[in-house]
Amino acid sequence: MPQLLIKGISTDDICKISKSLIEELAVVCECGTDNFTIDCIHPTSIFNGEIVESFPFIEVKWFERGGETRDRFAATIEKHINTLKIPEFEIAFITYQEDCYYINGKKFS
């Protein structure tokens, strides 16, 4: 179920690392690779009245798996993004609460 929303990194670059990244993240989360989605977001960023490149930012939306797993997850993303020679990026985790998550209108929990 982890969803990765990525902005500021080209779709072509994400495609290059996506297979190995998801395979390694599945090991970290102890789940199948089919539980993951990656969405590349292409925003229009503006600074000081000008259109600028978006800062590389990765949001991870998931059900909490604990601090150790979160640290390993972030380190795995870092390892793969670093192969793209991107000098700086950020990762933020957004945690869903199971009792607030619905699938086809029915509570997940």
Protein backbone atom coordinates (compact mmCIF):
# COMPACT_ATOMS: atom_id res chain seq x y z
CA MET A 1 0.00 0.00 0.00
CA PRO A 2 2.86 2.42 0.27
CA GLN A 3 2.41 5.17 -2.29
CA LEU A 4 5.36 7.25 -3.45
CA LEU A 5 4.47 10.66 -4.87
CA ILE A 6 7.53 12.14 -6.52
CA LYS A 7 7.99 15.66 -7.85
CA GLY A 8 11.03 17.47 -9.17
CA ILE A 9 12.59 14.30 -10.62
CA SER A 10 12.01 13.33 -14.24
CA THR A 11 9.75 10.42 -15.07
CA ASP A 12 12.55 8.92 -17.16
CA ASP A 13 14.88 8.94 -14.15
CA ILE A 14 12.26 7.36 -11.90
CA CYS A 15 11.62 4.66 -14.51
CA LYS A 16 15.34 3.79 -14.46
CA ILE A 17 15.28 3.00 -10.72
CA SER A 18 11.66 1.97 -10.17
CA LYS A 19 11.98 -1.80 -10.49
CA SER A 20 14.97 -2.23 -8.18
CA LEU A 21 13.64 0.42 -5.77
CA ILE A 22 10.27 -1.30 -5.35
CA GLU A 23 11.88 -4.73 -5.07
CA GLU A 24 14.08 -3.50 -2.23
CA LEU A 25 11.25 -1.58 -0.52
CA ALA A 26 9.10 -4.73 -0.61
CA VAL A 27 11.81 -6.54 1.34
CA VAL A 28 11.96 -3.69 3.87
CA CYS A 29 8.17 -3.78 4.32
CA GLU A 30 7.89 -7.57 4.11
CA CYS A 31 5.21 -7.41 1.43
CA GLY A 32 4.80 -7.97 -2.30
CA THR A 33 5.92 -5.51 -4.94
CA ASP A 34 2.31 -5.22 -6.09
CA ASN A 35 1.50 -3.31 -2.90
CA PHE A 36 3.41 -0.22 -4.12
CA THR A 37 2.54 2.64 -6.42
CA ILE A 38 4.77 5.38 -7.75
CA ASP A 39 3.25 8.57 -9.10
CA CYS A 40 5.41 11.21 -10.75
CA ILE A 41 3.86 14.62 -10.18
CA HIS A 42 4.75 17.42 -12.58
CA PRO A 43 3.88 20.67 -10.78
CA THR A 44 4.47 24.18 -11.96
CA SER A 45 6.61 25.79 -9.29
CA ILE A 46 6.83 29.54 -8.95
CA PHE A 47 9.35 31.63 -7.05
CA ASN A 48 9.62 35.40 -7.08
CA GLY A 49 7.17 35.73 -9.98
CA GLU A 50 9.04 33.23 -12.18
CA ILE A 51 8.47 29.60 -13.10
CA VAL A 52 11.30 27.55 -11.60
CA GLU A 53 12.26 23.88 -11.43
CA SER A 54 10.49 22.00 -8.67
CA PHE A 55 12.60 20.90 -5.73
CA PRO A 56 13.01 17.09 -5.64
CA PHE A 57 10.53 15.89 -3.03
CA ILE A 58 9.17 12.43 -2.27
CA GLU A 59 6.05 11.85 -0.19
CA VAL A 60 5.51 8.38 1.18
CA LYS A 61 1.89 7.67 2.11
CA TRP A 62 1.46 4.50 4.13
CA PHE A 63 0.28 2.77 7.28
CA GLU A 64 2.90 3.22 10.00
CA ARG A 65 5.37 0.36 10.30
CA GLY A 66 7.58 1.72 13.08
CA GLY A 67 10.63 3.95 13.25
CA GLU A 68 13.16 1.30 12.29
CA THR A 69 11.24 0.34 9.15
CA ARG A 70 10.70 4.02 8.29
CA ASP A 71 14.45 4.67 8.61
CA ARG A 72 15.27 1.67 6.40
CA PHE A 73 12.62 2.75 3.88
CA ALA A 74 14.09 6.28 3.68
CA ALA A 75 17.64 4.92 3.39
CA THR A 76 16.56 2.66 0.52
CA ILE A 77 14.99 5.59 -1.32
CA GLU A 78 18.13 7.64 -0.71
CA LYS A 79 20.36 4.89 -2.10
CA HIS A 80 18.38 4.70 -5.35
CA ILE A 81 17.89 8.46 -5.81
CA ASN A 82 21.63 8.99 -5.26
CA THR A 83 22.32 6.87 -8.36
CA LEU A 84 20.57 9.62 -10.34
CA LYS A 85 23.17 12.19 -9.17
CA ILE A 86 20.51 14.43 -7.61
CA PRO A 87 22.40 16.58 -5.08
CA GLU A 88 19.54 17.31 -2.69
CA PHE A 89 16.04 15.97 -2.08
CA GLU A 90 13.63 15.48 0.77
CA ILE A 91 11.38 12.64 1.89
CA ALA A 92 8.27 13.03 4.04
CA PHE A 93 6.09 10.27 5.45
CA ILE A 94 2.34 10.74 5.68
CA THR A 95 0.69 8.08 7.80
CA TYR A 96 -2.84 6.84 7.25
CA GLN A 97 -4.90 5.68 10.21
CA GLU A 98 -6.54 2.34 9.51
CA ASP A 99 -9.89 3.41 10.99
CA CYS A 100 -9.94 6.41 8.61
CA TYR A 101 -9.09 4.44 5.46
CA TYR A 102 -11.80 3.01 3.24
CA ILE A 103 -11.70 0.62 0.30
CA ASN A 104 -14.78 0.71 -1.92
CA GLY A 105 -16.62 2.62 0.80
CA LYS A 106 -15.88 0.10 3.54
CA LYS A 107 -13.53 0.61 6.46
CA PHE A 108 -10.16 -1.04 5.98
CA SER A 109 -9.71 -1.94 9.66
